[in-house]
Amino acid sequence: MSGPRPSLLERLFGQTIEIGLPGKDGTTVRKKISQRWFDSLVAAGKIRPVPSSRFKELEECAKTLVRMATIDFGGSLFLLLDKFPQLARVKSQEWDFFFAIGSVFAGLSDIGSRSESHKKFVRRMISDALMEWDRDGLRALEDCEGFVIRSIDSISTGDSEALQRHLSNFLGLWIVWNIFQKRPQDSDLELASVAGDLAFRMVAGCWESKNVGT
C-alpha cells in the first residue's frame, strides 16, 4: 500500500496509526501511516481497521462486552418476578433483547475519556457484533442512546455521581418502556431503577479489566 508518509508533526503528536500488511513471505509487515489517511481509507471502505495492539485489545473488549450483554438473561427476569409481579406479562425474549441492548449502552457510556479514534473504532466493532447477533440490535441501541441523551439534556445533571444516577434511571426507563410497550407508570419506577442499575453492574469494568485504550 503506497501513500503519503506521516508528516513530522503527525509523528511528534502521535497522530499516526500502525497497520498490518501482508508480506511477500506470508508474514505481516507493520507500517505506520497518517491517522488522517487511515480514517479516510476506512470511511471509503477501502480497508478495515487492523491497527496496533491497543486497538486489538479494544476490539477484544468490545466483542466481549456484546457477548456479556447478550447472554440468556431469562434467569434474571424470573428472579425479579417476586418483587415486580408486573413482569409476569413480559415475554422472556422481550426482556432478553431490551435488557441486552441496555447493557451494551451501559458499557459504551462507561468507555471514559479515550480518544475519538478509539471511540469510533469501538463503535464500529460493537455495531458489527450487534448486527451478527440480531438484525434489529443496532437500531435498538441507537434508539436507546437517543432516549437517554434527550432525557439527560432535559434536566440539570449536577455532579458526576448525580449524572451516573440519572443515566442508570433513564436507561431503566427505556428498558421498561420497551418491554411493556407503553410509558412506564409510577408503579414501574422502582423496576426501572433496578433494571438500569443491573444493566450497568452487568458490564462494570469491561474496559478497565485490561486497562486498554488509555
Protein backbone atom coordinates (compact mmCIF):
# COMPACT_ATOMS: atom_id res chain seq x y z
CA MET A 1 0.00 0.00 0.00
CA SER A 2 1.53 3.27 -1.13
CA GLY A 3 0.50 6.66 0.14
CA PRO A 4 1.71 9.84 1.82
CA ARG A 5 4.13 9.39 4.68
CA PRO A 6 3.08 10.83 8.05
CA SER A 7 4.39 14.36 8.45
CA LEU A 8 6.86 15.27 11.18
CA LEU A 9 4.11 16.98 13.19
CA GLU A 10 1.85 13.93 12.91
CA ARG A 11 4.66 11.73 14.21
CA LEU A 12 5.52 14.13 17.03
CA PHE A 13 1.93 14.44 18.23
CA GLY A 14 1.13 10.76 17.88
CA GLN A 15 -1.32 11.27 15.03
CA THR A 16 -0.27 8.06 13.34
CA ILE A 17 -1.57 4.52 13.38
CA GLU A 18 0.13 1.20 12.78
CA ILE A 19 -1.43 -1.23 10.33
CA GLY A 20 -0.55 -4.76 9.29
CA LEU A 21 0.14 -5.51 5.64
CA PRO A 22 0.76 -8.96 4.12
CA GLY A 23 4.43 -9.51 3.28
CA LYS A 24 5.78 -11.47 0.32
CA ASP A 25 6.72 -14.44 2.51
CA GLY A 26 3.30 -14.63 4.17
CA THR A 27 4.31 -12.67 7.26
CA THR A 28 2.69 -9.45 8.43
CA VAL A 29 4.57 -6.22 7.80
CA ARG A 30 3.86 -3.37 10.21
CA LYS A 31 3.65 0.11 8.70
CA LYS A 32 2.87 3.47 10.27
CA ILE A 33 0.59 5.78 8.33
CA SER A 34 -1.13 9.07 8.99
CA GLN A 35 -4.21 8.81 11.23
CA ARG A 36 -5.98 11.16 8.81
CA TRP A 37 -5.16 8.96 5.84
CA PHE A 38 -6.17 5.83 7.71
CA ASP A 39 -9.55 7.37 8.65
CA SER A 40 -10.16 8.38 5.02
CA LEU A 41 -9.42 4.83 3.81
CA VAL A 42 -11.76 3.31 6.41
CA ALA A 43 -14.51 5.84 5.58
CA ALA A 44 -14.16 5.00 1.88
CA GLY A 45 -14.44 1.29 2.69
CA LYS A 46 -11.06 0.55 1.14
CA ILE A 47 -9.67 -1.11 4.27
CA ARG A 48 -10.92 -2.48 7.54
CA PRO A 49 -9.12 -1.43 10.70
CA VAL A 50 -6.25 -3.82 11.53
CA PRO A 51 -4.35 -1.46 13.82
CA SER A 52 -1.93 -1.58 16.73
CA SER A 53 -2.09 -3.80 19.80
CA ARG A 54 -4.00 -1.16 21.73
CA PHE A 55 -6.77 -1.27 19.13
CA LYS A 56 -6.67 -5.07 19.13
CA GLU A 57 -7.27 -5.04 22.88
CA LEU A 58 -10.14 -2.60 22.40
CA GLU A 59 -11.60 -4.87 19.74
CA GLU A 60 -11.46 -7.85 22.10
CA CYS A 61 -13.13 -5.87 24.89
CA ALA A 62 -15.84 -4.52 22.57
CA LYS A 63 -16.71 -8.03 21.40
CA THR A 64 -16.60 -9.31 24.98
CA LEU A 65 -18.98 -6.52 26.00
CA VAL A 66 -21.55 -7.64 23.43
CA ARG A 67 -21.13 -11.30 24.44
CA MET A 68 -21.61 -10.39 28.10
CA ALA A 69 -24.68 -8.32 27.31
CA THR A 70 -26.37 -10.82 25.00
CA ILE A 71 -26.23 -13.99 27.07
CA ASP A 72 -29.55 -15.52 28.15
CA PHE A 73 -30.96 -13.20 30.81
CA GLY A 74 -34.14 -15.18 31.41
CA GLY A 75 -32.86 -16.13 34.86
CA SER A 76 -32.68 -12.51 35.99
CA LEU A 77 -36.24 -11.95 34.80
CA PHE A 78 -37.56 -14.76 36.97
CA LEU A 79 -35.51 -13.56 39.93
CA LEU A 80 -37.22 -10.17 39.71
CA LEU A 81 -40.73 -11.60 39.44
CA ASP A 82 -41.27 -11.87 43.20
CA LYS A 83 -40.54 -8.19 43.74
CA PHE A 84 -42.11 -6.96 40.49
CA PRO A 85 -45.16 -9.11 39.64
CA GLN A 86 -45.96 -6.91 36.62
CA LEU A 87 -43.09 -8.70 34.84
CA ALA A 88 -45.26 -11.84 34.64
CA ARG A 89 -46.85 -10.47 31.46
CA VAL A 90 -43.49 -9.89 29.77
CA LYS A 91 -42.15 -12.49 27.35
CA SER A 92 -38.66 -13.66 28.29
CA GLN A 93 -37.33 -12.98 24.78
CA GLU A 94 -38.52 -9.36 25.04
CA TRP A 95 -36.71 -8.93 28.34
CA ASP A 96 -33.59 -10.61 26.97
CA PHE A 97 -33.45 -8.33 23.94
CA PHE A 98 -34.07 -4.95 25.56
CA PHE A 99 -32.02 -5.69 28.67
CA ALA A 100 -29.14 -6.80 26.44
CA ILE A 101 -29.30 -3.57 24.42
CA GLY A 102 -29.44 -1.58 27.65
CA SER A 103 -26.34 -3.38 28.90
CA VAL A 104 -24.46 -2.58 25.68
CA PHE A 105 -25.40 1.08 26.11
CA ALA A 106 -24.20 0.94 29.72
CA GLY A 107 -20.86 -0.44 28.57
CA LEU A 108 -20.49 2.22 25.87
CA SER A 109 -21.27 5.04 28.28
CA ASP A 110 -18.53 3.74 30.59
CA ILE A 111 -15.77 3.88 27.98
CA GLY A 112 -14.28 7.00 29.55
CA SER A 113 -12.03 9.72 28.17
CA ARG A 114 -10.43 7.81 25.33
CA SER A 115 -9.54 9.39 22.02
CA GLU A 116 -12.11 9.93 19.30
CA SER A 117 -10.36 7.39 17.09
CA HIS A 118 -10.63 4.79 19.87
CA LYS A 119 -14.32 5.55 20.40
CA LYS A 120 -15.09 5.35 16.68
CA PHE A 121 -13.23 2.05 16.47
CA VAL A 122 -15.16 0.62 19.44
CA ARG A 123 -18.44 1.80 17.96
CA ARG A 124 -17.68 0.01 14.70
CA MET A 125 -16.76 -3.23 16.46
CA ILE A 126 -19.89 -3.14 18.62
CA SER A 127 -22.09 -2.30 15.63
CA ASP A 128 -20.72 -5.28 13.70
CA ALA A 129 -21.16 -7.62 16.67
CA LEU A 130 -24.72 -6.46 17.29
CA MET A 131 -25.67 -6.96 13.66
CA GLU A 132 -24.36 -10.52 13.84
CA TRP A 133 -26.42 -11.12 17.00
CA ASP A 134 -29.72 -9.59 15.88
CA ARG A 135 -30.56 -7.52 12.79
CA ASP A 136 -32.56 -5.09 14.98
CA GLY A 137 -29.82 -4.74 17.56
CA LEU A 138 -28.08 -1.66 16.17
CA ARG A 139 -31.35 0.18 15.55
CA ALA A 140 -32.44 -0.54 19.13
CA LEU A 141 -29.11 0.70 20.50
CA GLU A 142 -29.47 3.97 18.57
CA ASP A 143 -33.00 4.35 19.92
CA CYS A 144 -31.75 3.72 23.46
CA GLU A 145 -28.96 6.27 23.11
CA GLY A 146 -31.34 8.86 21.69
CA PHE A 147 -33.82 8.40 24.53
CA VAL A 148 -31.22 8.60 27.30
CA ILE A 149 -29.38 11.58 25.78
CA ARG A 150 -32.60 13.55 25.25
CA SER A 151 -33.66 12.76 28.81
CA ILE A 152 -30.31 13.86 30.26
CA ASP A 153 -30.39 17.07 28.20
CA SER A 154 -33.79 17.94 29.66
CA ILE A 155 -32.53 18.14 33.26
CA SER A 156 -29.78 19.75 35.29
CA THR A 157 -27.43 16.84 35.90
CA GLY A 158 -25.29 18.16 38.75
CA ASP A 159 -22.08 16.33 39.68
CA SER A 160 -20.71 13.11 38.21
CA GLU A 161 -22.42 10.96 40.82
CA ALA A 162 -25.78 12.53 40.00
CA LEU A 163 -25.11 12.08 36.27
CA GLN A 164 -24.44 8.36 36.75
CA ARG A 165 -27.65 8.00 38.73
CA HIS A 166 -29.64 9.78 36.04
CA LEU A 167 -28.04 7.65 33.31
CA SER A 168 -28.98 4.49 35.16
CA ASN A 169 -32.55 5.62 35.82
CA PHE A 170 -33.20 6.80 32.26
CA LEU A 171 -31.71 3.61 30.87
CA GLY A 172 -34.04 1.61 33.11
CA LEU A 173 -36.98 3.68 31.91
CA TRP A 174 -36.08 2.86 28.31
CA ILE A 175 -35.94 -0.87 29.11
CA VAL A 176 -39.27 -0.81 30.97
CA TRP A 177 -40.97 1.31 28.29
CA ASN A 178 -39.99 -1.21 25.62
CA ILE A 179 -40.78 -4.44 27.46
CA PHE A 180 -44.27 -3.13 28.33
CA GLN A 181 -44.65 -1.20 25.04
CA LYS A 182 -46.08 1.82 26.84
CA ARG A 183 -44.99 4.74 29.00
CA PRO A 184 -43.91 3.50 32.45
CA GLN A 185 -46.39 4.11 35.25
CA ASP A 186 -45.47 5.36 38.72
CA SER A 187 -45.62 1.75 39.88
CA ASP A 188 -42.89 0.88 37.36
CA LEU A 189 -40.33 3.46 38.50
CA GLU A 190 -38.69 1.20 41.06
CA LEU A 191 -38.42 -1.56 38.46
CA ALA A 192 -36.81 0.93 36.05
CA SER A 193 -34.29 1.92 38.70
CA VAL A 194 -33.39 -1.71 39.40
CA ALA A 195 -33.19 -2.61 35.69
CA GLY A 196 -30.88 0.30 34.89
CA ASP A 197 -28.62 -0.41 37.83
CA LEU A 198 -28.48 -4.10 36.93
CA ALA A 199 -27.52 -3.28 33.32
CA PHE A 200 -24.60 -1.14 34.49
CA ARG A 201 -23.46 -3.74 37.02
CA MET A 202 -23.63 -6.46 34.39
CA VAL A 203 -20.86 -4.82 32.33
CA ALA A 204 -18.98 -2.96 35.07
CA GLY A 205 -15.24 -2.80 34.49
CA CYS A 206 -15.42 -4.16 30.94
CA TRP A 207 -12.80 -1.62 29.80
CA GLU A 208 -10.72 -1.31 32.95
CA SER A 209 -10.08 -5.04 33.19
CA LYS A 210 -7.32 -4.80 30.58
CA ASN A 211 -6.58 -1.10 31.03
CA VAL A 212 -6.98 -0.66 27.28
CA GLY A 213 -7.16 2.37 25.07
CA THR A 214 -5.98 4.90 27.65
